[in-house]
PDB file of N, CA and C in Angstrom:
ATOM      1  N   MET A   1     130.090 124.676  45.399  1.00  0.00           N
ATOM      2  CA  MET A   1     131.152 125.291  45.598  1.00  0.00           C
ATOM      3  C   MET A   1     131.147 125.852  47.076  1.00  0.00           C
ATOM      4  N   LEU A   2     130.533 126.197  47.783  1.00  0.00           N
ATOM      5  CA  LEU A   2     130.020 126.094  49.562  1.00  0.00           C
ATOM      6  C   LEU A   2     130.985 124.874  50.456  1.00  0.00           C
ATOM      7  N   PHE A   3     130.521 123.457  49.752  1.00  0.00           N
ATOM      8  CA  PHE A   3     130.935 122.500  50.203  1.00  0.00           C
ATOM      9  C   PHE A   3     132.032 122.290  49.571  1.00  0.00           C
ATOM     10  N   GLY A   4     132.565 122.503  49.099  1.00  0.00           N
ATOM     11  CA  GLY A   4     134.275 122.648  48.208  1.00  0.00           C
ATOM     12  C   GLY A   4     134.937 123.218  49.077  1.00  0.00           C
ATOM     13  N   ILE A   5     134.217 124.273  49.423  1.00  0.00           N
ATOM     14  CA  ILE A   5     135.106 125.240  49.926  1.00  0.00           C
ATOM     15  C   ILE A   5     135.490 124.668  51.428  1.00  0.00           C
ATOM     16  N   ILE A   6     134.522 124.201  52.431  1.00  0.00           N
ATOM     17  CA  ILE A   6     134.279 124.398  53.463  1.00  0.00           C
ATOM     18  C   ILE A   6     134.920 122.532  53.472  1.00  0.00           C
ATOM     19  N   GLY A   7     135.309 121.560  52.502  1.00  0.00           N
ATOM     20  CA  GLY A   7     135.869 120.661  52.333  1.00  0.00           C
ATOM     21  C   GLY A   7     136.839 120.979  52.658  1.00  0.00           C
ATOM     22  N   LEU A   8     137.490 121.888  51.613  1.00  0.00           N
ATOM     23  CA  LEU A   8     139.183 122.208  51.640  1.00  0.00           C
ATOM     24  C   LEU A   8     139.715 122.849  53.164  1.00  0.00           C
ATOM     25  N   ALA A   9     139.111 123.219  53.711  1.00  0.00           N
ATOM     26  CA  ALA A   9     139.270 123.409  54.607  1.00  0.00           C
ATOM     27  C   ALA A   9     139.659 123.144  55.395  1.00  0.00           C
ATOM     28  N   ILE A  10     138.219 121.767  56.347  1.00  0.00           N
ATOM     29  CA  ILE A  10     138.342 120.527  56.861  1.00  0.00           C
ATOM     30  C   ILE A  10     139.928 119.731  56.738  1.00  0.00           C
ATOM     31  N   GLY A  11     140.370 119.990  56.432  1.00  0.00           N
ATOM     32  CA  GLY A  11     141.561 118.943  55.424  1.00  0.00           C
ATOM     33  C   GLY A  11     142.517 119.616  54.959  1.00  0.00           C
ATOM     34  N   ILE A  12     142.931 120.789  55.492  1.00  0.00           N
ATOM     35  CA  ILE A  12     143.819 122.102  55.840  1.00  0.00           C
ATOM     36  C   ILE A  12     143.908 121.662  57.031  1.00  0.00           C
ATOM     37  N   ILE A  13     142.886 121.858  57.734  1.00  0.00           N
ATOM     38  CA  ILE A  13     142.867 122.074  59.271  1.00  0.00           C
ATOM     39  C   ILE A  13     143.460 120.617  60.221  1.00  0.00           C
ATOM     40  N   ILE A  14     142.789 119.827  59.133  1.00  0.00           N
ATOM     41  CA  ILE A  14     143.352 118.459  60.081  1.00  0.00           C
ATOM     42  C   ILE A  14     144.959 117.989  59.116  1.00  0.00           C
ATOM     43  N   GLY A  15     144.927 118.331  58.529  1.00  0.00           N
ATOM     44  CA  GLY A  15     147.019 118.272  57.705  1.00  0.00           C
ATOM     45  C   GLY A  15     147.904 118.962  58.599  1.00  0.00           C
ATOM     46  N   ILE A  16     147.540 120.228  59.388  1.00  0.00           N
ATOM     47  CA  ILE A  16     147.907 121.451  60.514  1.00  0.00           C
ATOM     48  C   ILE A  16     148.292 120.432  61.656  1.00  0.00           C
ATOM     49  N   TYR A  17     147.418 119.643  62.460  1.00  0.00           N
ATOM     50  CA  TYR A  17     147.012 119.020  63.434  1.00  0.00           C
ATOM     51  C   TYR A  17     147.589 117.661  63.383  1.00  0.00           C
ATOM     52  N   ALA A  18     146.863 116.994  62.106  1.00  0.00           N
ATOM     53  CA  ALA A  18     147.238 115.405  62.288  1.00  0.00           C
ATOM     54  C   ALA A  18     148.631 115.520  62.342  1.00  0.00           C
ATOM     55  N   PRO A  19     148.886 114.690  63.177  1.00  0.00           N
ATOM     56  CA  PRO A  19     150.317 114.229  63.488  1.00  0.00           C
ATOM     57  C   PRO A  19     151.389 113.359  62.748  1.00  0.00           C
ATOM     58  N   ILE A  20     151.348 112.987  60.749  1.00  0.00           N
ATOM     59  CA  ILE A  20     151.492 112.269  60.144  1.00  0.00           C
ATOM     60  C   ILE A  20     152.528 112.607  59.230  1.00  0.00           C
ATOM     61  N   ALA A  21     153.692 111.862  59.562  1.00  0.00           N
ATOM     62  CA  ALA A  21     155.200 111.708  59.213  1.00  0.00           C
ATOM     63  C   ALA A  21     155.368 111.233  57.831  1.00  0.00           C
ATOM     64  N   ILE A  22     155.389 111.860  56.581  1.00  0.00           N
ATOM     65  CA  ILE A  22     155.397 111.628  55.885  1.00  0.00           C
ATOM     66  C   ILE A  22     156.498 111.232  55.322  1.00  0.00           C
ATOM     67  N   PRO A  23     157.030 109.370  54.864  1.00  0.00           N
ATOM     68  CA  PRO A  23     158.453 108.807  54.119  1.00  0.00           C
ATOM     69  C   PRO A  23     159.297 109.828  53.846  1.00  0.00           C
ATOM     70  N   ILE A  24     159.762 111.057  53.587  1.00  0.00           N
ATOM     71  CA  ILE A  24     161.045 111.193  52.163  1.00  0.00           C
ATOM     72  C   ILE A  24     160.967 110.642  50.755  1.00  0.00           C
ATOM     73  N   GLU A  25     160.861 109.351  50.721  1.00  0.00           N
ATOM     74  CA  GLU A  25     161.080 108.295  49.110  1.00  0.00           C
ATOM     75  C   GLU A  25     159.128 107.911  48.765  1.00  0.00           C
ATOM     76  N   PHE A  26     158.894 109.515  50.133  1.00  0.00           N
ATOM     77  CA  PHE A  26     156.861 109.378  49.115  1.00  0.00           C
ATOM     78  C   PHE A  26     156.754 111.204  48.901  1.00  0.00           C
ATOM     79  N   ALA A  27     157.836 112.009  49.238  1.00  0.00           N
ATOM     80  CA  ALA A  27     157.721 113.674  49.112  1.00  0.00           C
ATOM     81  C   ALA A  27     157.168 113.527  48.127  1.00  0.00           C
ATOM     82  N   ARG A  28     157.950 112.961  47.006  1.00  0.00           N
ATOM     83  CA  ARG A  28     157.869 113.411  45.287  1.00  0.00           C
ATOM     84  C   ARG A  28     156.192 113.044  44.837  1.00  0.00           C
ATOM     85  N   TYR A  29     155.915 112.385  44.889  1.00  0.00           N
ATOM     86  CA  TYR A  29     153.987 111.417  45.812  1.00  0.00           C
ATOM     87  C   TYR A  29     153.523 112.295  45.714  1.00  0.00           C
ATOM     88  N   THR A  30     153.151 112.431  47.084  1.00  0.00           N
ATOM     89  CA  THR A  30     152.591 112.944  47.466  1.00  0.00           C
ATOM     90  C   THR A  30     152.277 114.921  47.375  1.00  0.00           C
ATOM     91  N   ALA A  31     153.667 115.336  46.881  1.00  0.00           N
ATOM     92  CA  ALA A  31     153.784 116.335  45.865  1.00  0.00           C
ATOM     93  C   ALA A  31     152.366 116.889  44.812  1.00  0.00           C
ATOM     94  N   VAL A  32     152.445 115.492  43.561  1.00  0.00           N
ATOM     95  CA  VAL A  32     151.983 116.061  42.254  1.00  0.00           C
ATOM     96  C   VAL A  32     150.206 115.278  43.454  1.00  0.00           C
ATOM     97  N   ALA A  33     150.036 114.564  43.782  1.00  0.00           N
ATOM     98  CA  ALA A  33     148.600 114.147  44.222  1.00  0.00           C
ATOM     99  C   ALA A  33     148.117 115.031  44.844  1.00  0.00           C
ATOM    100  N   ILE A  34     149.446 115.939  45.703  1.00  0.00           N
ATOM    101  CA  ILE A  34     148.369 117.179  46.302  1.00  0.00           C
ATOM    102  C   ILE A  34     148.101 118.899  45.690  1.00  0.00           C
ATOM    103  N   LEU A  35     148.681 118.384  44.074  1.00  0.00           N
ATOM    104  CA  LEU A  35     148.978 119.538  43.004  1.00  0.00           C
ATOM    105  C   LEU A  35     148.018 118.968  42.427  1.00  0.00           C
ATOM    106  N   GLY A  36     147.503 117.495  42.171  1.00  0.00           N
ATOM    107  CA  GLY A  36     146.681 117.283  41.297  1.00  0.00           C
ATOM    108  C   GLY A  36     145.639 117.712  42.073  1.00  0.00           C
ATOM    109  N   ILE A  37     145.018 117.179  43.422  1.00  0.00           N
ATOM    110  CA  ILE A  37     143.924 117.825  44.596  1.00  0.00           C
ATOM    111  C   ILE A  37     143.625 118.882  43.706  1.00  0.00           C
ATOM    112  N   LEU A  38     144.718 119.475  44.454  1.00  0.00           N
ATOM    113  CA  LEU A  38     144.710 121.538  43.869  1.00  0.00           C
ATOM    114  C   LEU A  38     143.880 122.060  42.190  1.00  0.00           C
ATOM    115  N   ASP A  39     144.714 121.506  41.494  1.00  0.00           N
ATOM    116  CA  ASP A  39     143.870 121.903  40.205  1.00  0.00           C
ATOM    117  C   ASP A  39     142.834 121.198  39.832  1.00  0.00           C
ATOM    118  N   SER A  40     142.138 119.875  40.267  1.00  0.00           N
ATOM    119  CA  SER A  40     140.940 119.525  40.260  1.00  0.00           C
ATOM    120  C   SER A  40     140.169 120.565  41.426  1.00  0.00           C
ATOM    121  N   VAL A  41     140.144 120.796  42.366  1.00  0.00           N
ATOM    122  CA  VAL A  41     139.465 121.705  43.184  1.00  0.00           C
ATOM    123  C   VAL A  41     139.033 123.017  41.837  1.00  0.00           C
ATOM    124  N   LEU A  42     139.978 123.831  42.219  1.00  0.00           N
ATOM    125  CA  LEU A  42     140.323 125.099  41.593  1.00  0.00           C
ATOM    126  C   LEU A  42     139.059 124.792  39.886  1.00  0.00           C
ATOM    127  N   GLY A  43     139.503 123.429  39.548  1.00  0.00           N
ATOM    128  CA  GLY A  43     138.771 123.295  38.008  1.00  0.00           C
ATOM    129  C   GLY A  43     137.118 123.877  37.969  1.00  0.00           C
ATOM    130  N   ALA A  44     136.537 122.744  39.702  1.00  0.00           N
ATOM    131  CA  ALA A  44     135.804 122.710  39.841  1.00  0.00           C
ATOM    132  C   ALA A  44     135.010 124.226  40.486  1.00  0.00           C
ATOM    133  N   VAL A  45     135.854 125.009  41.377  1.00  0.00           N
ATOM    134  CA  VAL A  45     135.485 126.577  41.270  1.00  0.00           C
ATOM    135  C   VAL A  45     135.078 126.998  40.069  1.00  0.00           C
ATOM    136  N   ARG A  46     136.157 127.045  39.147  1.00  0.00           N
ATOM    137  CA  ARG A  46     136.010 127.696  38.086  1.00  0.00           C
ATOM    138  C   ARG A  46     134.472 127.304  37.243  1.00  0.00           C
ATOM    139  N   SER A  47     134.702 125.871  37.023  1.00  0.00           N
ATOM    140  CA  SER A  47     133.012 125.402  36.486  1.00  0.00           C
ATOM    141  C   SER A  47     131.855 125.720  36.806  1.00  0.00           C
ATOM    142  N   ASP A  48     132.067 125.944  38.069  1.00  0.00           N
ATOM    143  CA  ASP A  48     130.806 126.701  39.111  1.00  0.00           C
ATOM    144  C   ASP A  48     130.369 127.896  39.071  1.00  0.00           C
ATOM    145  N   LEU A  49     131.579 127.760  38.913  1.00  0.00           N
ATOM    146  CA  LEU A  49     131.202 130.080  38.427  1.00  0.00           C
ATOM    147  C   LEU A  49     131.004 130.255  37.379  1.00  0.00           C
ATOM    148  N   GLN A  50     131.404 129.085  35.817  1.00  0.00           N
ATOM    149  CA  GLN A  50     130.581 129.396  34.906  1.00  0.00           C
ATOM    150  C   GLN A  50     129.541 129.001  34.335  1.00  0.00           C
ATOM    151  N   LYS A  51     128.483 128.085  35.927  1.00  0.00           N
ATOM    152  CA  LYS A  51     127.899 126.751  35.425  1.00  0.00           C
ATOM    153  C   LYS A  51     127.846 126.250  35.041  1.00  0.00           C
ATOM    154  N   LYS A  52     129.112 125.349  34.856  1.00  0.00           N
ATOM    155  CA  LYS A  52     129.219 124.258  33.895  1.00  0.00           C
ATOM    156  C   LYS A  52     129.528 123.247  34.835  1.00  0.00           C
ATOM    157  N   TYR A  53     129.465 123.184  36.293  1.00  0.00           N
ATOM    158  CA  TYR A  53     130.013 122.128  36.863  1.00  0.00           C
ATOM    159  C   TYR A  53     129.176 120.486  37.233  1.00  0.00           C
ATOM    160  N   ASP A  54     129.901 119.924  36.863  1.00  0.00           N
ATOM    161  CA  ASP A  54     129.537 118.296  37.058  1.00  0.00           C
ATOM    162  C   ASP A  54     129.908 117.267  38.047  1.00  0.00           C
ATOM    163  N   VAL A  55     129.379 116.959  39.776  1.00  0.00           N
ATOM    164  CA  VAL A  55     130.261 116.469  40.014  1.00  0.00           C
ATOM    165  C   VAL A  55     130.765 114.547  39.947  1.00  0.00           C
ATOM    166  N   THR A  56     130.384 114.519  38.570  1.00  0.00           N
ATOM    167  CA  THR A  56     131.173 113.229  37.855  1.00  0.00           C
ATOM    168  C   THR A  56     132.353 113.653  37.203  1.00  0.00           C
ATOM    169  N   ILE A  57     131.902 114.997  36.440  1.00  0.00           N
ATOM    170  CA  ILE A  57     133.751 115.451  35.977  1.00  0.00           C
ATOM    171  C   ILE A  57     134.335 115.544  37.058  1.00  0.00           C
ATOM    172  N   PHE A  58     134.407 116.016  38.102  1.00  0.00           N
ATOM    173  CA  PHE A  58     135.348 116.689  39.220  1.00  0.00           C
ATOM    174  C   PHE A  58     135.205 115.270  40.013  1.00  0.00           C
ATOM    175  N   ILE A  59     135.075 114.023  40.266  1.00  0.00           N
ATOM    176  CA  ILE A  59     135.381 113.090  40.770  1.00  0.00           C
ATOM    177  C   ILE A  59     135.587 112.409  39.922  1.00  0.00           C
ATOM    178  N   SER A  60     135.575 112.331  38.606  1.00  0.00           N
ATOM    179  CA  SER A  60     136.446 111.818  38.100  1.00  0.00           C
ATOM    180  C   SER A  60     137.777 111.816  37.002  1.00  0.00           C
ATOM    181  N   GLY A  61     137.660 113.557  36.724  1.00  0.00           N
ATOM    182  CA  GLY A  61     138.591 114.429  37.361  1.00  0.00           C
ATOM    183  C   GLY A  61     139.973 114.265  38.093  1.00  0.00           C
ATOM    184  N   LEU A  62     139.477 114.414  39.749  1.00  0.00           N
ATOM    185  CA  LEU A  62     139.991 114.323  40.574  1.00  0.00           C
ATOM    186  C   LEU A  62     141.316 113.118  40.395  1.00  0.00           C
ATOM    187  N   ILE A  63     140.179 112.393  40.792  1.00  0.00           N
ATOM    188  CA  ILE A  63     140.702 110.744  40.625  1.00  0.00           C
ATOM    189  C   ILE A  63     142.527 110.278  39.090  1.00  0.00           C
ATOM    190  N   PHE A  64     141.490 111.102  38.673  1.00  0.00           N
ATOM    191  CA  PHE A  64     142.683 110.603  37.060  1.00  0.00           C
ATOM    192  C   PHE A  64     143.415 111.125  36.845  1.00  0.00           C
ATOM    193  N   ASN A  65     143.595 112.821  37.526  1.00  0.00           N
ATOM    194  CA  ASN A  65     144.796 113.653  37.915  1.00  0.00           C
ATOM    195  C   ASN A  65     145.363 113.164  39.077  1.00  0.00           C
ATOM    196  N   MET A  66     145.631 112.805  40.303  1.00  0.00           N
ATOM    197  CA  MET A  66     145.946 111.891  40.632  1.00  0.00           C
ATOM    198  C   MET A  66     146.443 110.353  41.066  1.00  0.00           C
ATOM    199  N   ILE A  67     145.925 109.830  39.545  1.00  0.00           N
ATOM    200  CA  ILE A  67     146.922 108.377  39.473  1.00  0.00           C
ATOM    201  C   ILE A  67     147.719 108.849  38.294  1.00  0.00           C
ATOM    202  N   LEU A  68     147.641 109.665  36.852  1.00  0.00           N
ATOM    203  CA  LEU A  68     148.220 109.838  36.489  1.00  0.00           C
ATOM    204  C   LEU A  68     149.684 110.933  36.440  1.00  0.00           C
ATOM    205  N   ALA A  69     149.125 111.480  37.539  1.00  0.00           N
ATOM    206  CA  ALA A  69     150.483 112.378  37.941  1.00  0.00           C
ATOM    207  C   ALA A  69     151.393 111.370  38.662  1.00  0.00           C
ATOM    208  N   ILE A  70     151.008 110.319  39.518  1.00  0.00           N
ATOM    209  CA  ILE A  70     151.320 109.747  40.588  1.00  0.00           C
ATOM    210  C   ILE A  70     151.885 108.559  39.448  1.00  0.00           C
ATOM    211  N   PHE A  71     151.462 107.813  38.527  1.00  0.00           N
ATOM    212  CA  PHE A  71     151.679 106.898  37.456  1.00  0.00           C
ATOM    213  C   PHE A  71     153.505 108.067  37.014  1.00  0.00           C
ATOM    214  N   ILE A  72     153.806 109.103  36.317  1.00  0.00           N
ATOM    215  CA  ILE A  72     153.883 109.799  36.121  1.00  0.00           C
ATOM    216  C   ILE A  72     155.173 109.338  36.895  1.00  0.00           C
ATOM    217  N   THR A  73     154.846 110.192  38.143  1.00  0.00           N
ATOM    218  CA  THR A  73     156.205 109.917  39.023  1.00  0.00           C
ATOM    219  C   THR A  73     157.053 108.399  39.114  1.00  0.00           C
ATOM    220  N   TYR A  74     156.389 107.640  39.339  1.00  0.00           N
ATOM    221  CA  TYR A  74     156.738 106.006  39.754  1.00  0.00           C
ATOM    222  C   TYR A  74     157.146 106.381  38.598  1.00  0.00           C
ATOM    223  N   ILE A  75     157.540 106.140  36.940  1.00  0.00           N
ATOM    224  CA  ILE A  75     157.435 105.936  35.847  1.00  0.00           C
ATOM    225  C   ILE A  75     159.045 106.339  35.423  1.00  0.00           C
ATOM    226  N   GLY A  76     159.277 107.663  36.432  1.00  0.00           N
ATOM    227  CA  GLY A  76     159.421 108.668  36.997  1.00  0.00           C
ATOM    228  C   GLY A  76     161.071 108.403  37.106  1.00  0.00           C
ATOM    229  N   ASP A  77     161.165 108.004  38.761  1.00  0.00           N
ATOM    230  CA  ASP A  77     161.688 107.134  39.561  1.00  0.00           C
ATOM    231  C   ASP A  77     162.470 105.452  38.929  1.00  0.00           C
ATOM    232  N   ARG A  78     161.767 105.248  38.367  1.00  0.00           N
ATOM    233  CA  ARG A  78     162.096 103.281  37.414  1.00  0.00           C
ATOM    234  C   ARG A  78     162.983 103.783  37.102  1.00  0.00           C
ATOM    235  N   LEU A  79     163.311 105.125  36.005  1.00  0.00           N
ATOM    236  CA  LEU A  79     163.765 104.910  34.495  1.00  0.00           C
ATOM    237  C   LEU A  79     164.999 106.613  35.231  1.00  0.00           C
ATOM    238  N   GLY A  80     165.310 106.535  36.252  1.00  0.00           N
ATOM    239  CA  GLY A  80     165.844 107.637  36.729  1.00  0.00           C
ATOM    240  C   GLY A  80     165.967 108.698  36.316  1.00  0.00           C
ATOM    241  N   LEU A  81     164.643 109.461  35.854  1.00  0.00           N
ATOM    242  CA  LEU A  81     164.376 110.746  35.650  1.00  0.00           C
ATOM    243  C   LEU A  81     163.229 111.332  36.600  1.00  0.00           C
ATOM    244  N   ASP A  82     163.720 113.144  36.688  1.00  0.00           N
ATOM    245  CA  ASP A  82     162.537 113.533  36.937  1.00  0.00           C
ATOM    246  C   ASP A  82     161.511 113.734  37.062  1.00  0.00           C
ATOM    247  N   LEU A  83     160.518 113.087  36.483  1.00  0.00           N
ATOM    248  CA  LEU A  83     159.575 113.123  35.658  1.00  0.00           C
ATOM    249  C   LEU A  83     158.875 114.143  36.362  1.00  0.00           C
ATOM    250  N   TYR A  84     158.414 113.756  37.892  1.00  0.00           N
ATOM    251  CA  TYR A  84     157.538 114.546  37.980  1.00  0.00           C
ATOM    252  C   TYR A  84     158.109 116.390  38.272  1.00  0.00           C
ATOM    253  N   LEU A  85     158.769 116.562  37.860  1.00  0.00           N
ATOM    254  CA  LEU A  85     158.710 118.049  37.591  1.00  0.00           C
ATOM    255  C   LEU A  85     158.073 118.328  36.528  1.00  0.00           C
ATOM    256  N   ALA A  86     158.260 117.707  35.637  1.00  0.00           N
ATOM    257  CA  ALA A  86     157.109 118.158  34.456  1.00  0.00           C
ATOM    258  C   ALA A  86     155.639 118.263  34.931  1.00  0.00           C
ATOM    259  N   VAL A  87     155.349 117.348  35.793  1.00  0.00           N
ATOM    260  CA  VAL A  87     154.341 117.462  36.610  1.00  0.00           C
ATOM    261  C   VAL A  87     153.565 118.576  37.394  1.00  0.00           C
ATOM    262  N   LEU A  88     154.964 118.874  37.885  1.00  0.00           N
ATOM    263  CA  LEU A  88     154.564 119.318  38.784  1.00  0.00           C
ATOM    264  C   LEU A  88     154.194 121.238  38.216  1.00  0.00           C
ATOM    265  N   VAL A  89     154.912 121.156  36.682  1.00  0.00           N
ATOM    266  CA  VAL A  89     155.174 122.341  36.277  1.00  0.00           C
ATOM    267  C   VAL A  89     153.379 122.249  34.849  1.00  0.00           C
ATOM    268  N   VAL A  90     153.062 121.304  34.193  1.00  0.00           N
ATOM    269  CA  VAL A  90     152.124 121.011  34.444  1.00  0.00           C
ATOM    270  C   VAL A  90     151.122 121.758  35.478  1.00  0.00           C
ATOM    271  N   PHE A  91     150.892 120.897  36.063  1.00  0.00           N
ATOM    272  CA  PHE A  91     149.360 121.596  37.038  1.00  0.00           C
ATOM    273  C   PHE A  91     149.556 123.086  37.384  1.00  0.00           C
ATOM    274  N   THR A  92     151.264 123.090  37.822  1.00  0.00           N
ATOM    275  CA  THR A  92     150.954 124.787  38.548  1.00  0.00           C
ATOM    276  C   THR A  92     150.254 125.822  37.445  1.00  0.00           C
ATOM    277  N   ILE A  93     150.732 125.291  35.336  1.00  0.00           N
ATOM    278  CA  ILE A  93     149.901 126.500  35.125  1.00  0.00           C
ATOM    279  C   ILE A  93     148.597 126.413  35.125  1.00  0.00           C
ATOM    280  N   ARG A  94     147.871 125.734  34.718  1.00  0.00           N
ATOM    281  CA  ARG A  94     146.735 124.886  35.696  1.00  0.00           C
ATOM    282  C   ARG A  94     146.144 124.806  36.439  1.00  0.00           C
ATOM    283  N   ILE A  95     146.718 125.501  37.532  1.00  0.00           N
ATOM    284  CA  ILE A  95     146.475 126.183  38.438  1.00  0.00           C
ATOM    285  C   ILE A  95     146.231 127.325  38.143  1.00  0.00           C
ATOM    286  N   PHE A  96     147.097 128.025  38.041  1.00  0.00           N
ATOM    287  CA  PHE A  96     147.641 129.978  37.430  1.00  0.00           C
ATOM    288  C   PHE A  96     146.514 130.391  36.273  1.00  0.00           C
ATOM    289  N   THR A  97     145.842 128.822  35.584  1.00  0.00           N
ATOM    290  CA  THR A  97     145.033 129.455  34.014  1.00  0.00           C
ATOM    291  C   THR A  97     143.613 129.621  34.994  1.00  0.00           C
ATOM    292  N   ASN A  98     143.214 128.429  35.944  1.00  0.00           N
ATOM    293  CA  ASN A  98     142.066 128.105  36.705  1.00  0.00           C
ATOM    294  C   ASN A  98     141.753 129.669  37.383  1.00  0.00           C
ATOM    295  N   LEU A  99     142.780 130.508  38.690  1.00  0.00           N
ATOM    296  CA  LEU A  99     142.534 131.156  39.230  1.00  0.00           C
ATOM    297  C   LEU A  99     142.742 132.602  38.579  1.00  0.00           C
ATOM    298  N   GLY A 100     143.069 132.609  37.076  1.00  0.00           N
ATOM    299  CA  GLY A 100     142.418 133.355  36.487  1.00  0.00           C
ATOM    300  C   GLY A 100     141.628 133.476  35.838  1.00  0.00           C
ATOM    301  N   THR A 101     141.216 132.829  35.806  1.00  0.00           N
ATOM    302  CA  THR A 101     139.838 132.631  35.113  1.00  0.00           C
ATOM    303  C   THR A 101     138.134 133.117  36.219  1.00  0.00           C
ATOM    304  N   ILE A 102     138.864 132.848  37.363  1.00  0.00           N
ATOM    305  CA  ILE A 102     137.798 132.545  39.138  1.00  0.00           C
ATOM    306  C   ILE A 102     138.031 134.444  39.171  1.00  0.00           C
ATOM    307  N   ARG A 103     139.511 134.429  39.077  1.00  0.00           N
ATOM    308  CA  ARG A 103     140.078 136.527  39.141  1.00  0.00           C
ATOM    309  C   ARG A 103     138.627 136.798  38.521  1.00  0.00           C
ATOM    310  N   TYR A 104     138.327 136.735  36.702  1.00  0.00           N
ATOM    311  CA  TYR A 104     137.456 137.104  36.295  1.00  0.00           C
ATOM    312  C   TYR A 104     136.508 137.103  36.841  1.00  0.00           C
ATOM    313  N   SER A 105     135.545 135.768  36.795  1.00  0.00           N
ATOM    314  CA  SER A 105     134.644 135.089  36.943  1.00  0.00           C
ATOM    315  C   SER A 105     133.736 136.622  37.881  1.00  0.00           C
ATOM    316  N   PHE A 106     134.711 136.856  39.275  1.00  0.00           N
ATOM    317  CA  PHE A 106     135.149 137.561  40.610  1.00  0.00           C
ATOM    318  C   PHE A 106     134.830 138.984  39.864  1.00  0.00           C
ATOM    319  N   LEU A 107     135.976 139.024  39.532  1.00  0.00           N
ATOM    320  CA  LEU A 107     135.442 140.839  39.216  1.00  0.00           C
ATOM    321  C   LEU A 107     134.164 141.219  37.886  1.00  0.00           C
ATOM    322  N   THR A 108     133.514 140.195  37.037  1.00  0.00           N
ATOM    323  CA  THR A 108     132.609 140.529  36.286  1.00  0.00           C
ATOM    324  C   THR A 108     131.568 140.708  37.433  1.00  0.00           C
ATOM    325  N   LYS A 109     131.742 139.676  37.352  1.00  0.00           N
ATOM    326  CA  LYS A 109     130.605 139.377  38.849  1.00  0.00           C
ATOM    327  C   LYS A 109     130.110 140.431  39.917  1.00  0.00           C
ATOM    328  N   TYR A 110     131.366 141.058  40.533  1.00  0.00           N
ATOM    329  CA  TYR A 110     130.852 141.937  41.267  1.00  0.00           C
ATOM    330  C   TYR A 110     131.091 143.358  40.639  1.00  0.00           C
ATOM    331  N   ILE A 111     131.449 143.806  39.820  1.00  0.00           N
ATOM    332  CA  ILE A 111     131.956 144.946  38.854  1.00  0.00           C
ATOM    333  C   ILE A 111     131.119 145.396  37.425  1.00  0.00           C
ATOM    334  N   GLY A 112     130.946 144.130  36.538  1.00  0.00           N
ATOM    335  CA  GLY A 112     130.484 144.215  35.511  1.00  0.00           C
ATOM    336  C   GLY A 112     131.155 143.738  34.720  1.00  0.00           C
ATOM    337  N   LYS A 113     130.811 143.668  33.255  1.00  0.00           N
ATOM    338  CA  LYS A 113     131.751 143.428  32.494  1.00  0.00           C
ATOM    339  C   LYS A 113     132.092 143.822  31.547  1.00  0.00           C
ATOM    340  N   LYS A 114     131.793 145.380  31.396  1.00  0.00           N
ATOM    341  CA  LYS A 114     132.002 146.373  30.587  1.00  0.00           C
ATOM    342  C   LYS A 114     132.479 147.014  31.144  1.00  0.00           C
ATOM    343  N   ARG A 115     133.336 147.108  32.312  1.00  0.00           N
ATOM    344  CA  ARG A 115     134.366 147.756  33.165  1.00  0.00           C
ATOM    345  C   ARG A 115     135.792 147.478  33.335  1.00  0.00           C
ATOM    346  N   VAL A 116     135.111 145.749  33.336  1.00  0.00           N
ATOM    347  CA  VAL A 116     135.917 144.770  33.392  1.00  0.00           C
ATOM    348  C   VAL A 116     136.986 144.989  32.098  1.00  0.00           C
ATOM    349  N   GLU A 117     136.446 144.641  30.856  1.00  0.00           N
ATOM    350  CA  GLU A 117     136.704 144.791  29.964  1.00  0.00           C
ATOM    351  C   GLU A 117     137.108 146.518  29.634  1.00  0.00           C
ATOM    352  N   GLN A 118     136.628 146.905  30.178  1.00  0.00           N
ATOM    353  CA  GLN A 118     137.535 148.318  30.035  1.00  0.00           C
ATOM    354  C   GLN A 118     138.975 148.797  30.304  1.00  0.00           C
ATOM    355  N   GLU A 119     139.020 147.624  31.528  1.00  0.00           N
ATOM    356  CA  GLU A 119     139.992 147.990  32.494  1.00  0.00           C
ATOM    357  C   GLU A 119     141.608 147.547  31.417  1.00  0.00           C
ATOM    358  N   ILE A 120     140.490 146.065  30.839  1.00  0.00           N
ATOM    359  CA  ILE A 120     141.757 145.257  30.466  1.00  0.00           C
ATOM    360  C   ILE A 120     142.613 146.381  29.617  1.00  0.00           C
ATOM    361  N   LYS A 121     142.072 146.810  28.596  1.00  0.00           N
ATOM    362  CA  LYS A 121     141.642 146.958  27.234  1.00  0.00           C
ATOM    363  C   LYS A 121     142.881 148.461  28.060  1.00  0.00           C
ATOM    364  N   ASP A 122     142.219 149.522  28.685  1.00  0.00           N
ATOM    365  CA  ASP A 122     143.448 150.615  28.858  1.00  0.00           C
ATOM    366  C   ASP A 122     144.876 150.045  30.079  1.00  0.00           C
ATOM    367  N   HIS A 123     144.521 148.525  30.078  1.00  0.00           N
ATOM    368  CA  HIS A 123     145.811 148.159  30.946  1.00  0.00           C
ATOM    369  C   HIS A 123     146.945 147.310  29.614  1.00  0.00           C
ATOM    370  N   ASP A 124     145.967 147.492  28.862  1.00  0.00           N
ATOM    371  CA  ASP A 124     146.916 146.632  27.698  1.00  0.00           C
ATOM    372  C   ASP A 124     147.644 148.093  26.287  1.00  0.00           C
ATOM    373  N   SER A 125     146.349 148.662  26.274  1.00  0.00           N
ATOM    374  CA  SER A 125     146.564 150.152  25.499  1.00  0.00           C
ATOM    375  C   SER A 125     148.009 150.698  26.369  1.00  0.00           C
ATOM    376  N   SER A 126     148.366 151.116  27.545  1.00  0.00           N
ATOM    377  CA  SER A 126     149.133 151.217  28.357  1.00  0.00           C
ATOM    378  C   SER A 126     150.552 150.960  28.457  1.00  0.00           C
ATOM    379  N   ASN A 127     150.710 149.574  27.908  1.00  0.00           N
ATOM    380  CA  ASN A 127     151.738 148.628  28.125  1.00  0.00           C
ATOM    381  C   ASN A 127     152.909 148.410  26.739  1.00  0.00           C
TER     382      ASN A 127
END
């Protein structure tokens, strides 16, 4: 997990300081590819916290997510439809789901599973 975080930080720094301009016609493709990568990285972090991480699954998921997202966006462009919006919605939902699982894993690790479950129960009963 540490290598993934370091790689992500290095990639962000390079992306900020690299003088690369992406043409507007590729903006959709870039957006869905970045969300696909972010989804895969957060899925890898979640898997690592759950002790289920496998590098082969991570790499194949990363490549498959990007290719599928770009393909759906391309088909949408050819049909004159904004199918990239569906890709963005799906990846966003998956990202939030992964973040929720990561948050829960950190909370249970640092403050204890019983306390987290009690907090959730107390919060649900007050609403």
